[in-house]
Amino acid sequence: MKYDPKAGLYTPAADPELDRRQRLLEELGLDRPDALFDQFAADLAHAAGTPYAMVNAITTDQSFVGLYSQPDGSVPQVGRTMDRNHGYCPDVLDRRRPLVLPDVFAYPRFAGNEVVDMIGIRTYAGAPLIHEPTNTVLGTVCVVGLAPRPQATGKASLELIKKHRDALMDIIYRRSGQPPQQ
């Protein structure tokens, strides 16, 4: 995301991959919610100890094709879509590498994000889903939580999200008939 000094906001960068990403998402079956991805998100949330996890296909908005939101009523429920400018996944898309924020308030750039006020997000870990044959970022896999974590948890969160990103890409490749990438 780029900083717009006139608006005083970070705005999405131009997205030269958008058309290719939309075609690939459709071809790979990542253009609609899927029970397999919902289960993947649930497993990830439990592994991370967070109330939310998402498999996020990013086009003109963010579509959670895999979604876990702790169902016991203790956290705000979220829908399957979110504005492309909200949250931290658009930054992961632009960066093309993982982003771990054990406490979003420790990073002024991220502390003012809409999701902080919308549902109280305080911790985030996300990784890009990169389609290797085309080098296209399809979206992200992420976990979010409502309680900050110590900075020392960052490395473990990074390893966890990368491990799950790799496992998810293997699932995506197998489902599409493509061999998993090494």
Protein backbone atom coordinates (compact mmCIF):
# COMPACT_ATOMS: atom_id res chain seq x y z
CA MET A 1 0.00 0.00 0.00
CA LYS A 2 1.21 3.48 -0.80
CA TYR A 3 0.92 6.49 1.48
CA ASP A 4 -1.18 9.32 0.02
CA PRO A 5 -0.02 12.46 1.86
CA LYS A 6 -2.97 14.54 0.62
CA ALA A 7 -5.51 12.06 2.02
CA GLY A 8 -3.31 11.13 4.97
CA LEU A 9 -4.02 7.45 4.29
CA TYR A 10 -2.39 4.37 2.91
CA THR A 11 -4.06 3.37 -0.34
CA PRO A 12 -3.80 0.20 -2.41
CA ALA A 13 -1.10 0.17 -5.03
CA ALA A 14 -2.04 -0.37 -8.64
CA ASP A 15 -2.78 -4.04 -9.22
CA PRO A 16 -1.30 -5.17 -12.54
CA GLU A 17 -2.08 -8.83 -11.67
CA LEU A 18 -5.81 -8.32 -11.09
CA ASP A 19 -7.11 -9.77 -14.38
CA ARG A 20 -4.72 -12.73 -14.27
CA ARG A 21 -5.56 -13.32 -10.59
CA GLN A 22 -9.31 -13.35 -11.28
CA ARG A 23 -8.88 -15.91 -14.08
CA LEU A 24 -6.64 -18.12 -11.95
CA LEU A 25 -8.97 -17.96 -8.95
CA GLU A 26 -11.81 -19.20 -11.13
CA GLU A 27 -9.68 -21.93 -12.74
CA LEU A 28 -8.43 -23.12 -9.34
CA GLY A 29 -11.86 -23.06 -7.67
CA LEU A 30 -10.90 -20.22 -5.35
CA ASP A 31 -13.65 -17.91 -6.51
CA ARG A 32 -16.33 -19.11 -4.06
CA PRO A 33 -16.62 -20.34 -0.47
CA ASP A 34 -15.58 -23.94 -0.02
CA ALA A 35 -16.13 -26.31 2.92
CA LEU A 36 -12.60 -27.72 2.55
CA PHE A 37 -11.12 -24.23 2.93
CA ASP A 38 -13.45 -23.51 5.87
CA GLN A 39 -12.09 -26.61 7.61
CA PHE A 40 -8.53 -25.57 6.75
CA ALA A 41 -9.21 -22.15 8.31
CA ALA A 42 -10.68 -23.79 11.44
CA ASP A 43 -7.62 -26.03 11.81
CA LEU A 44 -5.33 -23.03 11.34
CA ALA A 45 -7.19 -20.93 13.92
CA HIS A 46 -6.92 -23.73 16.45
CA ALA A 47 -3.21 -24.22 15.72
CA ALA A 48 -2.59 -20.48 16.09
CA GLY A 49 -4.81 -20.07 19.13
CA THR A 50 -6.79 -17.29 17.47
CA PRO A 51 -10.54 -16.76 17.11
CA TYR A 52 -10.33 -16.11 13.35
CA ALA A 53 -8.57 -17.53 10.31
CA MET A 54 -9.18 -16.90 6.63
CA VAL A 55 -8.29 -18.14 3.17
CA ASN A 56 -8.61 -14.89 1.29
CA ALA A 57 -9.01 -14.49 -2.49
CA ILE A 58 -8.29 -10.85 -3.29
CA THR A 59 -9.74 -9.14 -6.34
CA THR A 60 -11.60 -5.82 -6.19
CA ASP A 61 -12.58 -6.87 -2.66
CA GLN A 62 -11.48 -9.57 -0.26
CA SER A 63 -13.47 -12.81 -0.44
CA PHE A 64 -13.01 -15.30 2.35
CA VAL A 65 -13.31 -18.61 0.50
CA GLY A 66 -12.22 -20.25 3.74
CA LEU A 67 -13.43 -18.71 6.97
CA TYR A 68 -13.34 -19.60 10.62
CA SER A 69 -14.86 -17.30 13.18
CA GLN A 70 -15.07 -18.67 16.71
CA PRO A 71 -18.72 -19.78 16.87
CA ASP A 72 -19.40 -19.47 20.60
CA GLY A 73 -20.58 -15.84 20.42
CA SER A 74 -17.55 -14.54 22.33
CA VAL A 75 -16.20 -12.63 19.31
CA PRO A 76 -17.84 -10.47 16.65
CA GLN A 77 -18.85 -12.58 13.66
CA VAL A 78 -17.49 -11.60 10.26
CA GLY A 79 -18.91 -12.01 6.79
CA ARG A 80 -17.40 -13.60 3.72
CA THR A 81 -16.30 -10.33 2.13
CA MET A 82 -14.44 -7.24 3.21
CA ASP A 83 -13.43 -4.03 1.49
CA ARG A 84 -10.06 -4.38 -0.20
CA ASN A 85 -8.73 -1.42 1.77
CA HIS A 86 -9.45 -2.97 5.18
CA GLY A 87 -7.28 -5.34 7.12
CA TYR A 88 -3.69 -6.33 6.56
CA CYS A 89 -3.98 -8.87 3.74
CA PRO A 90 -3.76 -6.17 1.04
CA ASP A 91 -0.32 -5.30 2.43
CA VAL A 92 0.68 -8.97 2.14
CA LEU A 93 -0.57 -8.98 -1.46
CA ASP A 94 1.52 -5.89 -2.28
CA ARG A 95 4.62 -7.09 -0.35
CA ARG A 96 4.46 -10.63 -1.75
CA ARG A 97 5.81 -11.95 1.55
CA PRO A 98 4.44 -12.78 5.01
CA LEU A 99 3.52 -10.14 7.55
CA VAL A 100 3.38 -10.80 11.29
CA LEU A 101 2.06 -8.20 13.73
CA PRO A 102 2.05 -9.61 17.27
CA ASP A 103 0.52 -6.32 18.48
CA VAL A 104 -0.79 -4.04 15.75
CA PHE A 105 -0.63 -1.09 18.18
CA ALA A 106 3.18 -1.42 18.18
CA TYR A 107 3.16 -0.39 14.50
CA PRO A 108 1.62 3.08 13.98
CA ARG A 109 1.06 2.39 10.28
CA PHE A 110 -1.17 -0.60 11.12
CA ALA A 111 -2.78 0.60 14.36
CA GLY A 112 -5.30 2.83 12.56
CA ASN A 113 -6.62 0.15 10.22
CA GLU A 114 -10.41 -0.13 9.95
CA VAL A 115 -10.43 -3.69 11.37
CA VAL A 116 -9.10 -2.42 14.69
CA ASP A 117 -12.30 -0.45 15.20
CA MET A 118 -14.64 -2.84 13.36
CA ILE A 119 -13.86 -6.01 15.33
CA GLY A 120 -10.98 -5.16 17.64
CA ILE A 121 -8.11 -6.86 15.84
CA ARG A 122 -4.88 -6.70 17.83
CA THR A 123 -2.73 -9.47 16.33
CA TYR A 124 -2.25 -10.63 12.73
CA ALA A 125 -0.17 -13.13 10.79
CA GLY A 126 -0.63 -13.63 7.06
CA ALA A 127 1.22 -15.09 4.08
CA PRO A 128 0.70 -14.72 0.33
CA LEU A 129 -0.65 -17.58 -1.75
CA ILE A 130 1.64 -17.45 -4.79
CA HIS A 131 0.78 -19.53 -7.85
CA GLU A 132 4.32 -20.56 -8.79
CA PRO A 133 3.79 -21.37 -12.47
CA THR A 134 2.64 -17.79 -13.14
CA ASN A 135 4.21 -16.03 -10.12
CA THR A 136 0.79 -14.54 -9.37
CA VAL A 137 -0.35 -13.76 -5.83
CA LEU A 138 -3.82 -15.31 -5.56
CA GLY A 139 -4.59 -13.99 -2.10
CA THR A 140 -3.57 -14.78 1.44
CA VAL A 141 -3.98 -17.14 4.34
CA CYS A 142 -4.14 -15.40 7.70
CA VAL A 143 -5.02 -15.53 11.36
CA VAL A 144 -6.23 -12.63 13.48
CA GLY A 145 -6.84 -12.24 17.17
CA LEU A 146 -8.33 -9.78 19.60
CA ALA A 147 -5.55 -9.88 22.20
CA PRO A 148 -2.03 -8.58 21.60
CA ARG A 149 0.83 -11.04 21.84
CA PRO A 150 4.38 -10.47 23.03
CA GLN A 151 6.81 -9.46 20.29
CA ALA A 152 8.80 -12.62 21.06
CA THR A 153 5.96 -14.71 19.53
CA GLY A 154 6.60 -13.24 16.08
CA LYS A 155 9.03 -15.87 14.83
CA ALA A 156 6.78 -18.77 15.85
CA SER A 157 3.78 -17.06 14.22
CA LEU A 158 5.79 -16.57 11.04
CA GLU A 159 6.78 -20.24 10.92
CA LEU A 160 3.20 -21.35 11.59
CA ILE A 161 1.66 -19.19 8.87
CA LYS A 162 4.31 -20.19 6.31
CA LYS A 163 3.82 -23.89 7.12
CA HIS A 164 0.05 -23.56 6.65
CA ARG A 165 0.50 -21.47 3.50
CA ASP A 166 2.62 -24.24 1.99
CA ALA A 167 0.10 -26.91 2.99
CA LEU A 168 -2.74 -24.89 1.50
CA MET A 169 -0.90 -24.38 -1.78
CA ASP A 170 -0.34 -28.16 -1.97
CA ILE A 171 -4.11 -28.66 -1.53
CA ILE A 172 -4.85 -26.08 -4.22
CA TYR A 173 -2.42 -27.66 -6.68
CA ARG A 174 -3.72 -31.20 -6.04
CA ARG A 175 -7.36 -30.12 -6.46
CA SER A 176 -6.54 -28.45 -9.76
CA GLY A 177 -4.62 -31.46 -11.06
CA GLN A 178 -1.32 -29.61 -10.96
CA PRO A 179 1.61 -31.19 -9.12
CA PRO A 180 2.54 -29.49 -5.83
CA GLN A 181 5.46 -27.12 -6.26
CA GLN A 182 8.76 -27.87 -4.53
